[in-house]
mmCIF file of all heavy atoms, coordinates in Angstrom:
data_MODEL
# 
_entry.id   MODEL 
# 
loop_
_atom_site.group_PDB 
_atom_site.id 
_atom_site.type_symbol 
_atom_site.label_atom_id 
_atom_site.label_alt_id 
_atom_site.label_comp_id 
_atom_site.label_asym_id 
_atom_site.label_entity_id 
_atom_site.label_seq_id 
_atom_site.pdbx_PDB_ins_code 
_atom_site.Cartn_x 
_atom_site.Cartn_y 
_atom_site.Cartn_z 
_atom_site.occupancy 
_atom_site.B_iso_or_equiv 
_atom_site.pdbx_formal_charge 
_atom_site.auth_seq_id 
_atom_site.auth_comp_id 
_atom_site.auth_asym_id 
_atom_site.auth_atom_id 
_atom_site.pdbx_PDB_model_num 
ATOM 1   N N   . ARG A 1 1  ? 16.180 6.295  12.803  1.00 0.00 ? 1  ARG A N   1 
ATOM 2   C CA  . ARG A 1 1  ? 16.875 7.211  13.709  1.00 0.00 ? 1  ARG A CA  1 
ATOM 3   C C   . ARG A 1 1  ? 18.384 7.005  13.608  1.00 0.00 ? 1  ARG A C   1 
ATOM 4   O O   . ARG A 1 1  ? 18.873 5.895  13.358  1.00 0.00 ? 1  ARG A O   1 
ATOM 5   C CB  . ARG A 1 1  ? 16.378 7.045  15.144  1.00 0.00 ? 1  ARG A CB  1 
ATOM 6   C CG  . ARG A 1 1  ? 16.694 5.719  15.755  1.00 0.00 ? 1  ARG A CG  1 
ATOM 7   C CD  . ARG A 1 1  ? 16.373 5.738  17.247  1.00 0.00 ? 1  ARG A CD  1 
ATOM 8   N NE  . ARG A 1 1  ? 16.726 4.441  17.808  1.00 0.00 ? 1  ARG A NE  1 
ATOM 9   C CZ  . ARG A 1 1  ? 15.852 3.619  18.356  1.00 0.00 ? 1  ARG A CZ  1 
ATOM 10  N NH1 . ARG A 1 1  ? 14.583 3.940  18.420  1.00 0.00 ? 1  ARG A NH1 1 
ATOM 11  N NH2 . ARG A 1 1  ? 16.245 2.450  18.842  1.00 0.00 ? 1  ARG A NH2 1 
ATOM 12  N N   . GLY A 1 2  ? 19.120 8.096  13.758  1.00 0.00 ? 2  GLY A N   1 
ATOM 13  C CA  . GLY A 1 2  ? 20.567 8.016  13.634  1.00 0.00 ? 2  GLY A CA  1 
ATOM 14  C C   . GLY A 1 2  ? 21.135 9.389  13.351  1.00 0.00 ? 2  GLY A C   1 
ATOM 15  O O   . GLY A 1 2  ? 20.455 10.405 13.489  1.00 0.00 ? 2  GLY A O   1 
ATOM 16  N N   . THR A 1 3  ? 22.410 9.423  12.965  1.00 0.00 ? 3  THR A N   1 
ATOM 17  C CA  . THR A 1 3  ? 23.068 10.681 12.643  1.00 0.00 ? 3  THR A CA  1 
ATOM 18  C C   . THR A 1 3  ? 23.285 10.759 11.130  1.00 0.00 ? 3  THR A C   1 
ATOM 19  O O   . THR A 1 3  ? 23.930 9.889  10.545  1.00 0.00 ? 3  THR A O   1 
ATOM 20  C CB  . THR A 1 3  ? 24.419 10.790 13.386  1.00 0.00 ? 3  THR A CB  1 
ATOM 21  O OG1 . THR A 1 3  ? 24.158 10.683 14.788  1.00 0.00 ? 3  THR A OG1 1 
ATOM 22  C CG2 . THR A 1 3  ? 25.075 12.134 13.103  1.00 0.00 ? 3  THR A CG2 1 
ATOM 23  N N   . TYR A 1 4  ? 22.719 11.791 10.535  1.00 0.00 ? 4  TYR A N   1 
ATOM 24  C CA  . TYR A 1 4  ? 22.773 11.953 9.082   1.00 0.00 ? 4  TYR A CA  1 
ATOM 25  C C   . TYR A 1 4  ? 23.794 13.037 8.728   1.00 0.00 ? 4  TYR A C   1 
ATOM 26  O O   . TYR A 1 4  ? 23.860 14.080 9.380   1.00 0.00 ? 4  TYR A O   1 
ATOM 27  C CB  . TYR A 1 4  ? 21.393 12.362 8.548   1.00 0.00 ? 4  TYR A CB  1 
ATOM 28  C CG  . TYR A 1 4  ? 20.371 11.240 8.600   1.00 0.00 ? 4  TYR A CG  1 
ATOM 29  C CD1 . TYR A 1 4  ? 19.831 10.820 9.807   1.00 0.00 ? 4  TYR A CD1 1 
ATOM 30  C CD2 . TYR A 1 4  ? 19.957 10.598 7.429   1.00 0.00 ? 4  TYR A CD2 1 
ATOM 31  C CE1 . TYR A 1 4  ? 18.906 9.787  9.868   1.00 0.00 ? 4  TYR A CE1 1 
ATOM 32  C CE2 . TYR A 1 4  ? 19.022 9.572  7.476   1.00 0.00 ? 4  TYR A CE2 1 
ATOM 33  C CZ  . TYR A 1 4  ? 18.500 9.168  8.698   1.00 0.00 ? 4  TYR A CZ  1 
ATOM 34  O OH  . TYR A 1 4  ? 17.580 8.143  8.736   1.00 0.00 ? 4  TYR A OH  1 
ATOM 35  N N   . THR A 1 5  ? 24.568 12.782 7.685   1.00 0.00 ? 5  THR A N   1 
ATOM 36  C CA  . THR A 1 5  ? 25.571 13.745 7.232   1.00 0.00 ? 5  THR A CA  1 
ATOM 37  C C   . THR A 1 5  ? 25.263 14.186 5.812   1.00 0.00 ? 5  THR A C   1 
ATOM 38  O O   . THR A 1 5  ? 25.021 13.354 4.933   1.00 0.00 ? 5  THR A O   1 
ATOM 39  C CB  . THR A 1 5  ? 26.988 13.126 7.283   1.00 0.00 ? 5  THR A CB  1 
ATOM 40  O OG1 . THR A 1 5  ? 27.266 12.732 8.627   1.00 0.00 ? 5  THR A OG1 1 
ATOM 41  C CG2 . THR A 1 5  ? 28.040 14.135 6.825   1.00 0.00 ? 5  THR A CG2 1 
ATOM 42  N N   . CYS A 1 6  ? 25.259 15.501 5.623   1.00 0.00 ? 6  CYS A N   1 
ATOM 43  C CA  . CYS A 1 6  ? 25.092 16.099 4.293   1.00 0.00 ? 6  CYS A CA  1 
ATOM 44  C C   . CYS A 1 6  ? 26.462 16.612 3.875   1.00 0.00 ? 6  CYS A C   1 
ATOM 45  O O   . CYS A 1 6  ? 27.034 17.470 4.548   1.00 0.00 ? 6  CYS A O   1 
ATOM 46  C CB  . CYS A 1 6  ? 24.088 17.250 4.399   1.00 0.00 ? 6  CYS A CB  1 
ATOM 47  S SG  . CYS A 1 6  ? 23.993 18.314 2.938   1.00 0.00 ? 6  CYS A SG  1 
ATOM 48  N N   . GLN A 1 7  ? 26.993 16.066 2.782   1.00 0.00 ? 7  GLN A N   1 
ATOM 49  C CA  . GLN A 1 7  ? 28.326 16.485 2.321   1.00 0.00 ? 7  GLN A CA  1 
ATOM 50  C C   . GLN A 1 7  ? 28.251 16.963 0.869   1.00 0.00 ? 7  GLN A C   1 
ATOM 51  O O   . GLN A 1 7  ? 27.714 16.270 0.006   1.00 0.00 ? 7  GLN A O   1 
ATOM 52  C CB  . GLN A 1 7  ? 29.322 15.327 2.411   1.00 0.00 ? 7  GLN A CB  1 
ATOM 53  C CG  . GLN A 1 7  ? 30.741 15.761 2.060   1.00 0.00 ? 7  GLN A CG  1 
ATOM 54  C CD  . GLN A 1 7  ? 31.653 14.586 1.770   1.00 0.00 ? 7  GLN A CD  1 
ATOM 55  O OE1 . GLN A 1 7  ? 31.350 13.759 0.918   1.00 0.00 ? 7  GLN A OE1 1 
ATOM 56  N NE2 . GLN A 1 7  ? 32.769 14.514 2.478   1.00 0.00 ? 7  GLN A NE2 1 
ATOM 57  N N   . VAL A 1 8  ? 28.750 18.166 0.650   1.00 0.00 ? 8  VAL A N   1 
ATOM 58  C CA  . VAL A 1 8  ? 28.733 18.741 -0.695  1.00 0.00 ? 8  VAL A CA  1 
ATOM 59  C C   . VAL A 1 8  ? 30.164 19.059 -1.110  1.00 0.00 ? 8  VAL A C   1 
ATOM 60  O O   . VAL A 1 8  ? 30.959 19.541 -0.308  1.00 0.00 ? 8  VAL A O   1 
ATOM 61  C CB  . VAL A 1 8  ? 27.888 20.036 -0.730  1.00 0.00 ? 8  VAL A CB  1 
ATOM 62  C CG1 . VAL A 1 8  ? 27.868 20.647 -2.134  1.00 0.00 ? 8  VAL A CG1 1 
ATOM 63  C CG2 . VAL A 1 8  ? 26.450 19.763 -0.267  1.00 0.00 ? 8  VAL A CG2 1 
ATOM 64  N N   . THR A 1 9  ? 30.493 18.753 -2.365  1.00 0.00 ? 9  THR A N   1 
ATOM 65  C CA  . THR A 1 9  ? 31.786 19.196 -2.913  1.00 0.00 ? 9  THR A CA  1 
ATOM 66  C C   . THR A 1 9  ? 31.530 20.118 -4.090  1.00 0.00 ? 9  THR A C   1 
ATOM 67  O O   . THR A 1 9  ? 30.576 19.922 -4.860  1.00 0.00 ? 9  THR A O   1 
ATOM 68  C CB  . THR A 1 9  ? 32.670 18.024 -3.384  1.00 0.00 ? 9  THR A CB  1 
ATOM 69  O OG1 . THR A 1 9  ? 31.963 17.290 -4.385  1.00 0.00 ? 9  THR A OG1 1 
ATOM 70  C CG2 . THR A 1 9  ? 33.029 17.101 -2.237  1.00 0.00 ? 9  THR A CG2 1 
ATOM 71  N N   . TRP A 1 10 ? 32.366 21.141 -4.201  1.00 0.00 ? 10 TRP A N   1 
ATOM 72  C CA  . TRP A 1 10 ? 32.276 22.095 -5.300  1.00 0.00 ? 10 TRP A CA  1 
ATOM 73  C C   . TRP A 1 10 ? 33.609 22.142 -6.033  1.00 0.00 ? 10 TRP A C   1 
ATOM 74  O O   . TRP A 1 10 ? 34.670 21.927 -5.438  1.00 0.00 ? 10 TRP A O   1 
ATOM 75  C CB  . TRP A 1 10 ? 31.994 23.513 -4.784  1.00 0.00 ? 10 TRP A CB  1 
ATOM 76  C CG  . TRP A 1 10 ? 30.702 23.693 -4.074  1.00 0.00 ? 10 TRP A CG  1 
ATOM 77  C CD1 . TRP A 1 10 ? 29.506 24.050 -4.601  1.00 0.00 ? 10 TRP A CD1 1 
ATOM 78  C CD2 . TRP A 1 10 ? 30.475 23.569 -2.655  1.00 0.00 ? 10 TRP A CD2 1 
ATOM 79  N NE1 . TRP A 1 10 ? 28.549 24.157 -3.615  1.00 0.00 ? 10 TRP A NE1 1 
ATOM 80  C CE2 . TRP A 1 10 ? 29.116 23.867 -2.408  1.00 0.00 ? 10 TRP A CE2 1 
ATOM 81  C CE3 . TRP A 1 10 ? 31.302 23.230 -1.565  1.00 0.00 ? 10 TRP A CE3 1 
ATOM 82  C CZ2 . TRP A 1 10 ? 28.555 23.837 -1.140  1.00 0.00 ? 10 TRP A CZ2 1 
ATOM 83  C CZ3 . TRP A 1 10 ? 30.740 23.191 -0.298  1.00 0.00 ? 10 TRP A CZ3 1 
ATOM 84  C CH2 . TRP A 1 10 ? 29.379 23.491 -0.097  1.00 0.00 ? 10 TRP A CH2 1 
ATOM 85  N N   . ARG A 1 11 ? 33.544 22.457 -7.333  1.00 0.00 ? 11 ARG A N   1 
ATOM 86  C CA  . ARG A 1 11 ? 34.756 22.680 -8.112  1.00 0.00 ? 11 ARG A CA  1 
ATOM 87  C C   . ARG A 1 11 ? 34.888 24.184 -8.368  1.00 0.00 ? 11 ARG A C   1 
ATOM 88  O O   . ARG A 1 11 ? 33.934 24.823 -8.795  1.00 0.00 ? 11 ARG A O   1 
ATOM 89  C CB  . ARG A 1 11 ? 34.703 21.923 -9.441  1.00 0.00 ? 11 ARG A CB  1 
ATOM 90  C CG  . ARG A 1 11 ? 35.991 22.023 -10.256 1.00 0.00 ? 11 ARG A CG  1 
ATOM 91  C CD  . ARG A 1 11 ? 35.850 21.294 -11.598 1.00 0.00 ? 11 ARG A CD  1 
ATOM 92  N NE  . ARG A 1 11 ? 35.722 19.849 -11.416 1.00 0.00 ? 11 ARG A NE  1 
ATOM 93  C CZ  . ARG A 1 11 ? 36.749 19.020 -11.215 1.00 0.00 ? 11 ARG A CZ  1 
ATOM 94  N NH1 . ARG A 1 11 ? 37.985 19.508 -11.135 1.00 0.00 ? 11 ARG A NH1 1 
ATOM 95  N NH2 . ARG A 1 11 ? 36.559 17.723 -11.101 1.00 0.00 ? 11 ARG A NH2 1 
ATOM 96  N N   . ALA A 1 12 ? 36.075 24.721 -8.063  1.00 0.00 ? 12 ALA A N   1 
ATOM 97  C CA  . ALA A 1 12 ? 36.322 26.145 -8.286  1.00 0.00 ? 12 ALA A CA  1 
ATOM 98  C C   . ALA A 1 12 ? 36.840 26.358 -9.704  1.00 0.00 ? 12 ALA A C   1 
ATOM 99  O O   . ALA A 1 12 ? 37.230 25.415 -10.392 1.00 0.00 ? 12 ALA A O   1 
ATOM 100 C CB  . ALA A 1 12 ? 37.327 26.668 -7.266  1.00 0.00 ? 12 ALA A CB  1 
ATOM 101 N N   . SER A 1 13 ? 36.876 27.631 -10.133 1.00 0.00 ? 13 SER A N   1 
ATOM 102 C CA  . SER A 1 13 ? 37.292 27.936 -11.505 1.00 0.00 ? 13 SER A CA  1 
ATOM 103 C C   . SER A 1 13 ? 38.748 27.510 -11.762 1.00 0.00 ? 13 SER A C   1 
ATOM 104 O O   . SER A 1 13 ? 39.121 27.224 -12.892 1.00 0.00 ? 13 SER A O   1 
ATOM 105 C CB  . SER A 1 13 ? 37.106 29.427 -11.798 1.00 0.00 ? 13 SER A CB  1 
ATOM 106 O OG  . SER A 1 13 ? 37.617 30.187 -10.726 1.00 0.00 ? 13 SER A OG  1 
ATOM 107 N N   . ASN A 1 14 ? 39.556 27.410 -10.719 1.00 0.00 ? 14 ASN A N   1 
ATOM 108 C CA  . ASN A 1 14 ? 40.948 26.958 -10.907 1.00 0.00 ? 14 ASN A CA  1 
ATOM 109 C C   . ASN A 1 14 ? 41.073 25.444 -10.742 1.00 0.00 ? 14 ASN A C   1 
ATOM 110 O O   . ASN A 1 14 ? 42.173 24.916 -10.536 1.00 0.00 ? 14 ASN A O   1 
ATOM 111 C CB  . ASN A 1 14 ? 41.872 27.675 -9.911  1.00 0.00 ? 14 ASN A CB  1 
ATOM 112 C CG  . ASN A 1 14 ? 41.524 27.330 -8.470  1.00 0.00 ? 14 ASN A CG  1 
ATOM 113 O OD1 . ASN A 1 14 ? 40.615 26.536 -8.213  1.00 0.00 ? 14 ASN A OD1 1 
ATOM 114 N ND2 . ASN A 1 14 ? 42.242 27.930 -7.534  1.00 0.00 ? 14 ASN A ND2 1 
ATOM 115 N N   . ASN A 1 15 ? 39.904 24.754 -10.797 1.00 0.00 ? 15 ASN A N   1 
ATOM 116 C CA  . ASN A 1 15 ? 39.822 23.293 -10.714 1.00 0.00 ? 15 ASN A CA  1 
ATOM 117 C C   . ASN A 1 15 ? 40.105 22.704 -9.341  1.00 0.00 ? 15 ASN A C   1 
ATOM 118 O O   . ASN A 1 15 ? 40.164 21.484 -9.194  1.00 0.00 ? 15 ASN A O   1 
ATOM 119 C CB  . ASN A 1 15 ? 40.734 22.611 -11.752 1.00 0.00 ? 15 ASN A CB  1 
ATOM 120 C CG  . ASN A 1 15 ? 39.952 22.312 -13.015 1.00 0.00 ? 15 ASN A CG  1 
ATOM 121 O OD1 . ASN A 1 15 ? 38.728 22.382 -13.012 1.00 0.00 ? 15 ASN A OD1 1 
ATOM 122 N ND2 . ASN A 1 15 ? 40.648 21.995 -14.091 1.00 0.00 ? 15 ASN A ND2 1 
ATOM 123 N N   . SER A 1 16 ? 40.309 23.550 -8.324  1.00 0.00 ? 16 SER A N   1 
ATOM 124 C CA  . SER A 1 16 ? 40.472 22.988 -6.981  1.00 0.00 ? 16 SER A CA  1 
ATOM 125 C C   . SER A 1 16 ? 39.094 22.593 -6.444  1.00 0.00 ? 16 SER A C   1 
ATOM 126 O O   . SER A 1 16 ? 38.071 23.083 -6.907  1.00 0.00 ? 16 SER A O   1 
ATOM 127 C CB  . SER A 1 16 ? 41.123 24.013 -6.053  1.00 0.00 ? 16 SER A CB  1 
ATOM 128 O OG  . SER A 1 16 ? 40.262 25.122 -5.902  1.00 0.00 ? 16 SER A OG  1 
ATOM 129 N N   . MET A 1 17 ? 39.091 21.674 -5.476  1.00 0.00 ? 17 MET A N   1 
ATOM 130 C CA  . MET A 1 17 ? 37.836 21.176 -4.920  1.00 0.00 ? 17 MET A CA  1 
ATOM 131 C C   . MET A 1 17 ? 37.655 21.669 -3.489  1.00 0.00 ? 17 MET A C   1 
ATOM 132 O O   . MET A 1 17 ? 38.619 21.773 -2.732  1.00 0.00 ? 17 MET A O   1 
ATOM 133 C CB  . MET A 1 17 ? 37.816 19.644 -4.920  1.00 0.00 ? 17 MET A CB  1 
ATOM 134 C CG  . MET A 1 17 ? 37.967 19.026 -6.306  1.00 0.00 ? 17 MET A CG  1 
ATOM 135 S SD  . MET A 1 17 ? 36.560 19.352 -7.379  1.00 0.00 ? 17 MET A SD  1 
ATOM 136 C CE  . MET A 1 17 ? 35.524 17.982 -6.953  1.00 0.00 ? 17 MET A CE  1 
ATOM 137 N N   . ILE A 1 18 ? 36.419 21.966 -3.150  1.00 0.00 ? 18 ILE A N   1 
ATOM 138 C CA  . ILE A 1 18 ? 36.080 22.373 -1.791  1.00 0.00 ? 18 ILE A CA  1 
ATOM 139 C C   . ILE A 1 18 ? 34.998 21.417 -1.302  1.00 0.00 ? 18 ILE A C   1 
ATOM 140 O O   . ILE A 1 18 ? 34.069 21.098 -2.052  1.00 0.00 ? 18 ILE A O   1 
ATOM 141 C CB  . ILE A 1 18 ? 35.528 23.815 -1.766  1.00 0.00 ? 18 ILE A CB  1 
ATOM 142 C CG1 . ILE A 1 18 ? 36.587 24.798 -2.269  1.00 0.00 ? 18 ILE A CG1 1 
ATOM 143 C CG2 . ILE A 1 18 ? 35.045 24.198 -0.373  1.00 0.00 ? 18 ILE A CG2 1 
ATOM 144 C CD1 . ILE A 1 18 ? 36.029 26.182 -2.505  1.00 0.00 ? 18 ILE A CD1 1 
ATOM 145 N N   . ALA A 1 19 ? 35.125 20.953 -0.058  1.00 0.00 ? 19 ALA A N   1 
ATOM 146 C CA  . ALA A 1 19 ? 34.109 20.054 0.506   1.00 0.00 ? 19 ALA A CA  1 
ATOM 147 C C   . ALA A 1 19 ? 33.667 20.582 1.864   1.00 0.00 ? 19 ALA A C   1 
ATOM 148 O O   . ALA A 1 19 ? 34.472 21.078 2.645   1.00 0.00 ? 19 ALA A O   1 
ATOM 149 C CB  . ALA A 1 19 ? 34.652 18.643 0.642   1.00 0.00 ? 19 ALA A CB  1 
ATOM 150 N N   . LYS A 1 20 ? 32.370 20.475 2.111   1.00 0.00 ? 20 LYS A N   1 
ATOM 151 C CA  . LYS A 1 20 ? 31.831 20.868 3.414   1.00 0.00 ? 20 LYS A CA  1 
ATOM 152 C C   . LYS A 1 20 ? 30.814 19.812 3.829   1.00 0.00 ? 20 LYS A C   1 
ATOM 153 O O   . LYS A 1 20 ? 30.173 19.188 2.974   1.00 0.00 ? 20 LYS A O   1 
ATOM 154 C CB  . LYS A 1 20 ? 31.100 22.225 3.320   1.00 0.00 ? 20 LYS A CB  1 
ATOM 155 C CG  . LYS A 1 20 ? 32.023 23.421 3.139   1.00 0.00 ? 20 LYS A CG  1 
ATOM 156 C CD  . LYS A 1 20 ? 32.536 23.942 4.472   1.00 0.00 ? 20 LYS A CD  1 
ATOM 157 C CE  . LYS A 1 20 ? 33.609 25.002 4.307   1.00 0.00 ? 20 LYS A CE  1 
ATOM 158 N NZ  . LYS A 1 20 ? 33.079 26.322 4.018   1.00 0.00 ? 20 LYS A NZ  1 
ATOM 159 N N   . GLU A 1 21 ? 30.646 19.647 5.146   1.00 0.00 ? 21 GLU A N   1 
ATOM 160 C CA  . GLU A 1 21 ? 29.604 18.728 5.586   1.00 0.00 ? 21 GLU A CA  1 
ATOM 161 C C   . GLU A 1 21 ? 28.993 19.205 6.904   1.00 0.00 ? 21 GLU A C   1 
ATOM 162 O O   . GLU A 1 21 ? 29.633 19.939 7.671   1.00 0.00 ? 21 GLU A O   1 
ATOM 163 C CB  . GLU A 1 21 ? 30.133 17.304 5.737   1.00 0.00 ? 21 GLU A CB  1 
ATOM 164 C CG  . GLU A 1 21 ? 31.215 17.103 6.752   1.00 0.00 ? 21 GLU A CG  1 
ATOM 165 C CD  . GLU A 1 21 ? 31.650 15.632 6.825   1.00 0.00 ? 21 GLU A CD  1 
ATOM 166 O OE1 . GLU A 1 21 ? 31.851 15.004 5.773   1.00 0.00 ? 21 GLU A OE1 1 
ATOM 167 O OE2 . GLU A 1 21 ? 31.773 15.137 7.957   1.00 0.00 ? 21 GLU A OE2 1 
ATOM 168 N N   . ILE A 1 22 ? 27.742 18.835 7.124   1.00 0.00 ? 22 ILE A N   1 
ATOM 169 C CA  . ILE A 1 22 ? 27.093 19.092 8.409   1.00 0.00 ? 22 ILE A CA  1 
ATOM 170 C C   . ILE A 1 22 ? 26.391 17.809 8.842   1.00 0.00 ? 22 ILE A C   1 
ATOM 171 O O   . ILE A 1 22 ? 26.030 16.966 8.013   1.00 0.00 ? 22 ILE A O   1 
ATOM 172 C CB  . ILE A 1 22 ? 26.063 20.248 8.362   1.00 0.00 ? 22 ILE A CB  1 
ATOM 173 C CG1 . ILE A 1 22 ? 24.989 19.989 7.297   1.00 0.00 ? 22 ILE A CG1 1 
ATOM 174 C CG2 . ILE A 1 22 ? 26.737 21.586 8.159   1.00 0.00 ? 22 ILE A CG2 1 
ATOM 175 C CD1 . ILE A 1 22 ? 23.791 20.916 7.445   1.00 0.00 ? 22 ILE A CD1 1 
ATOM 176 N N   . MET A 1 23 ? 26.210 17.681 10.155  1.00 0.00 ? 23 MET A N   1 
ATOM 177 C CA  . MET A 1 23 ? 25.566 16.480 10.695  1.00 0.00 ? 23 MET A CA  1 
ATOM 178 C C   . MET A 1 23 ? 24.286 16.856 11.424  1.00 0.00 ? 23 MET A C   1 
ATOM 179 O O   . MET A 1 23 ? 24.216 17.887 12.090  1.00 0.00 ? 23 MET A O   1 
ATOM 180 C CB  . MET A 1 23 ? 26.505 15.764 11.651  1.00 0.00 ? 23 MET A CB  1 
ATOM 181 C CG  . MET A 1 23 ? 27.690 15.140 10.944  1.00 0.00 ? 23 MET A CG  1 
ATOM 182 S SD  . MET A 1 23 ? 29.000 14.744 12.100  1.00 0.00 ? 23 MET A SD  1 
ATOM 183 C CE  . MET A 1 23 ? 28.765 12.995 12.222  1.00 0.00 ? 23 MET A CE  1 
ATOM 184 N N   . THR A 1 24 ? 23.273 16.014 11.276  1.00 0.00 ? 24 THR A N   1 
ATOM 185 C CA  . THR A 1 24 ? 21.991 16.217 11.946  1.00 0.00 ? 24 THR A CA  1 
ATOM 186 C C   . THR A 1 24 ? 21.577 14.910 12.609  1.00 0.00 ? 24 THR A C   1 
ATOM 187 O O   . THR A 1 24 ? 21.562 13.861 11.964  1.00 0.00 ? 24 THR A O   1 
ATOM 188 C CB  . THR A 1 24 ? 20.895 16.624 10.936  1.00 0.00 ? 24 THR A CB  1 
ATOM 189 O OG1 . THR A 1 24 ? 21.308 17.813 10.260  1.00 0.00 ? 24 THR A OG1 1 
ATOM 190 C CG2 . THR A 1 24 ? 19.572 16.881 11.637  1.00 0.00 ? 24 THR A CG2 1 
# 
């Protein structure tokens, strides 16, 4: 039991990075 975080990073065509996360 606890708080779990899902974090994903993506690379865009211009090489910039995007990160998002959610907690459950």
